[in-house]
Amino acid sequence: MTYNLPNEDGKFDVYLTAFGCDGSIQEEPRQILNIAGQNQTTPRIALSDNRILVASQADSGASGNNLSIHLYIQDTQGNVVEESLTWEPEITDGNRWLPSIVGVQDGFWIAAATANETYFQTAVQALDLDGQPRGEAHWVGPDSYAVFPNIDAQND
């Protein structure tokens, strides 16, 4: 499970914990994506193979281009694979927010609201088990404003 808790600066941080089927805590809550000065919200979690991916948006507070998406990956044994990747697909220009992720057989898919040169649109991209891009990102939906994505997938 992933969630937000406020910090002493009045901003939010991302936490991760794990529960057993009986409700017992299997992994104590701990802060992940420790990014100084960022207000981190909307954490999402997905499982693929033996990897857990958490995606969260961060707000730097700067006007204009202030929203970004950060990724954290660990294996199911609790070993950190990547502590803080930033998802920055080449087709986007500026803000990236509202991540949605799903695990598939050999990696993940991410969808998010993004800025392009004209308006906000939804971009999607496949990621490998280490959170690295697998191929290029592409736009989905109409060639107009399209935000608040939610992604789901099936294995091929």
Protein backbone atom coordinates (compact mmCIF):
# COMPACT_ATOMS: atom_id res chain seq x y z
CA MET A 1 0.00 0.00 0.00
CA THR A 2 1.22 3.50 -0.75
CA TYR A 3 -0.11 6.74 0.69
CA ASN A 4 0.74 10.33 1.63
CA LEU A 5 1.56 11.81 5.04
CA PRO A 6 2.24 15.50 5.74
CA ASN A 7 5.76 16.50 6.73
CA GLU A 8 7.03 19.30 9.00
CA ASP A 9 7.12 21.72 6.03
CA GLY A 10 3.38 21.34 5.41
CA LYS A 11 3.97 19.31 2.25
CA PHE A 12 3.23 15.65 1.57
CA ASP A 13 5.66 12.73 1.37
CA VAL A 14 5.07 9.23 -0.04
CA TYR A 15 5.05 6.14 2.20
CA LEU A 16 5.02 2.43 1.41
CA THR A 17 3.92 -0.50 3.60
CA ALA A 18 2.89 -4.12 3.03
CA PHE A 19 0.19 -6.24 4.66
CA GLY A 20 -0.37 -9.98 4.75
CA CYS A 21 -3.68 -11.59 3.77
CA ASP A 22 -4.59 -11.71 7.45
CA GLY A 23 -4.09 -7.93 7.80
CA SER A 24 -0.80 -8.17 9.65
CA ILE A 25 1.95 -5.72 8.74
CA GLN A 26 4.60 -7.46 6.64
CA GLU A 27 6.68 -4.35 5.93
CA GLU A 28 6.64 -1.39 8.32
CA PRO A 29 5.60 1.95 6.79
CA ARG A 30 8.58 3.92 5.47
CA GLN A 31 9.07 7.04 3.44
CA ILE A 32 10.09 6.54 -0.20
CA LEU A 33 10.72 9.08 -2.96
CA ASN A 34 12.42 11.43 -0.52
CA ILE A 35 12.60 14.48 -2.80
CA ALA A 36 13.45 17.66 -0.90
CA GLY A 37 11.21 20.69 -1.42
CA GLN A 38 8.57 18.82 -3.41
CA ASN A 39 4.93 18.37 -2.45
CA GLN A 40 4.37 14.72 -3.44
CA THR A 41 0.80 13.57 -4.05
CA THR A 42 -1.31 10.95 -5.83
CA PRO A 43 0.95 7.92 -5.27
CA ARG A 44 0.02 4.83 -7.29
CA ILE A 45 1.29 1.25 -6.94
CA ALA A 46 1.58 -1.70 -9.35
CA LEU A 47 3.12 -5.20 -9.29
CA SER A 48 4.89 -7.05 -12.13
CA ASP A 49 6.81 -10.28 -11.73
CA ASN A 50 8.84 -9.67 -8.53
CA ARG A 51 8.85 -5.85 -8.81
CA ILE A 52 6.75 -3.17 -7.16
CA LEU A 53 6.49 0.21 -8.89
CA VAL A 54 5.27 3.36 -7.15
CA ALA A 55 4.58 6.48 -9.22
CA SER A 56 3.82 9.85 -7.66
CA GLN A 57 3.47 13.41 -8.88
CA ALA A 58 5.57 16.15 -7.32
CA ASP A 59 4.88 19.86 -7.24
CA SER A 60 7.89 22.15 -6.95
CA GLY A 61 5.68 25.17 -6.21
CA ALA A 62 7.20 27.13 -9.09
CA SER A 63 4.67 28.66 -11.44
CA GLY A 64 4.32 27.34 -14.97
CA ASN A 65 6.30 24.12 -15.29
CA ASN A 66 5.93 22.82 -11.72
CA LEU A 67 4.58 19.24 -11.92
CA SER A 68 6.67 16.11 -12.46
CA ILE A 69 6.28 12.34 -12.05
CA HIS A 70 8.74 10.27 -10.03
CA LEU A 71 9.14 6.48 -9.91
CA TYR A 72 10.34 4.17 -7.13
CA ILE A 73 10.96 0.45 -7.68
CA GLN A 74 11.74 -2.35 -5.26
CA ASP A 75 11.55 -6.12 -5.47
CA THR A 76 8.97 -8.07 -3.49
CA GLN A 77 11.62 -8.88 -0.87
CA GLY A 78 12.01 -5.16 -0.07
CA ASN A 79 15.29 -4.54 -1.92
CA VAL A 80 15.39 -1.13 -3.61
CA VAL A 81 15.97 -1.29 -7.38
CA GLU A 82 15.53 2.43 -8.23
CA GLU A 83 14.98 5.12 -5.59
CA SER A 84 13.96 8.06 -7.74
CA LEU A 85 13.54 8.00 -11.49
CA THR A 86 11.82 10.90 -13.20
CA TRP A 87 9.41 10.02 -16.01
CA GLU A 88 10.09 12.50 -18.81
CA PRO A 89 8.82 11.24 -22.16
CA GLU A 90 10.21 13.16 -25.13
CA ILE A 91 6.77 13.97 -26.56
CA THR A 92 5.78 16.04 -23.53
CA ASP A 93 6.63 19.67 -23.03
CA GLY A 94 6.32 20.79 -19.44
CA ASN A 95 4.04 19.53 -16.70
CA ARG A 96 3.36 15.84 -16.07
CA TRP A 97 0.82 14.84 -13.41
CA LEU A 98 -1.91 12.38 -12.32
CA PRO A 99 0.02 9.16 -12.97
CA SER A 100 -1.81 5.88 -13.48
CA ILE A 101 0.21 2.64 -13.63
CA VAL A 102 -0.43 -1.04 -14.20
CA GLY A 103 1.81 -4.10 -14.04
CA VAL A 104 1.93 -6.57 -16.92
CA GLN A 105 3.88 -9.80 -17.34
CA ASP A 106 7.26 -8.22 -18.04
CA GLY A 107 7.03 -4.61 -16.90
CA PHE A 108 4.59 -1.77 -16.49
CA TRP A 109 2.53 0.78 -18.38
CA ILE A 110 2.21 4.38 -17.25
CA ALA A 111 -0.40 6.91 -18.34
CA ALA A 112 -0.42 10.51 -17.19
CA ALA A 113 -1.77 13.93 -17.94
CA THR A 114 0.93 15.90 -19.70
CA ALA A 115 1.49 19.21 -21.42
CA ASN A 116 2.28 19.49 -25.09
CA GLU A 117 2.74 22.64 -27.16
CA THR A 118 -1.00 23.28 -27.46
CA TYR A 119 -2.90 21.80 -24.52
CA PHE A 120 -2.99 19.05 -21.88
CA GLN A 121 -3.23 15.51 -23.19
CA THR A 122 -2.75 11.93 -21.95
CA ALA A 123 0.54 10.20 -22.76
CA VAL A 124 1.22 6.47 -22.26
CA GLN A 125 4.45 4.50 -22.26
CA ALA A 126 5.62 0.97 -21.55
CA LEU A 127 8.31 0.56 -18.87
CA ASP A 128 10.57 -2.42 -18.20
CA LEU A 129 10.90 -4.08 -14.79
CA ASP A 130 13.50 -1.46 -13.79
CA GLY A 131 11.23 1.47 -14.70
CA GLN A 132 13.15 2.32 -17.87
CA PRO A 133 11.18 3.32 -20.99
CA ARG A 134 10.44 0.50 -23.41
CA GLY A 135 9.85 2.25 -26.70
CA GLU A 136 8.53 5.73 -27.23
CA ALA A 137 5.62 7.34 -25.38
CA HIS A 138 2.55 8.18 -27.44
CA TRP A 139 -0.59 10.28 -27.16
CA VAL A 140 -3.95 8.62 -26.56
CA GLY A 141 -7.45 9.97 -26.83
CA PRO A 142 -8.67 12.84 -28.95
CA ASP A 143 -6.34 15.48 -30.33
CA SER A 144 -7.64 17.94 -27.73
CA TYR A 145 -7.74 18.29 -23.97
CA ALA A 146 -7.68 14.83 -22.37
CA VAL A 147 -6.65 14.42 -18.73
CA PHE A 148 -7.46 12.27 -15.65
CA PRO A 149 -6.14 9.01 -17.11
CA ASN A 150 -6.70 5.57 -15.63
CA ILE A 151 -4.88 2.63 -17.23
CA ASP A 152 -5.44 -1.12 -17.15
CA ALA A 153 -3.92 -3.88 -19.28
CA GLN A 154 -3.88 -7.58 -19.97
CA ASN A 155 -0.86 -9.71 -20.73
CA ASP A 156 -0.36 -10.56 -24.40
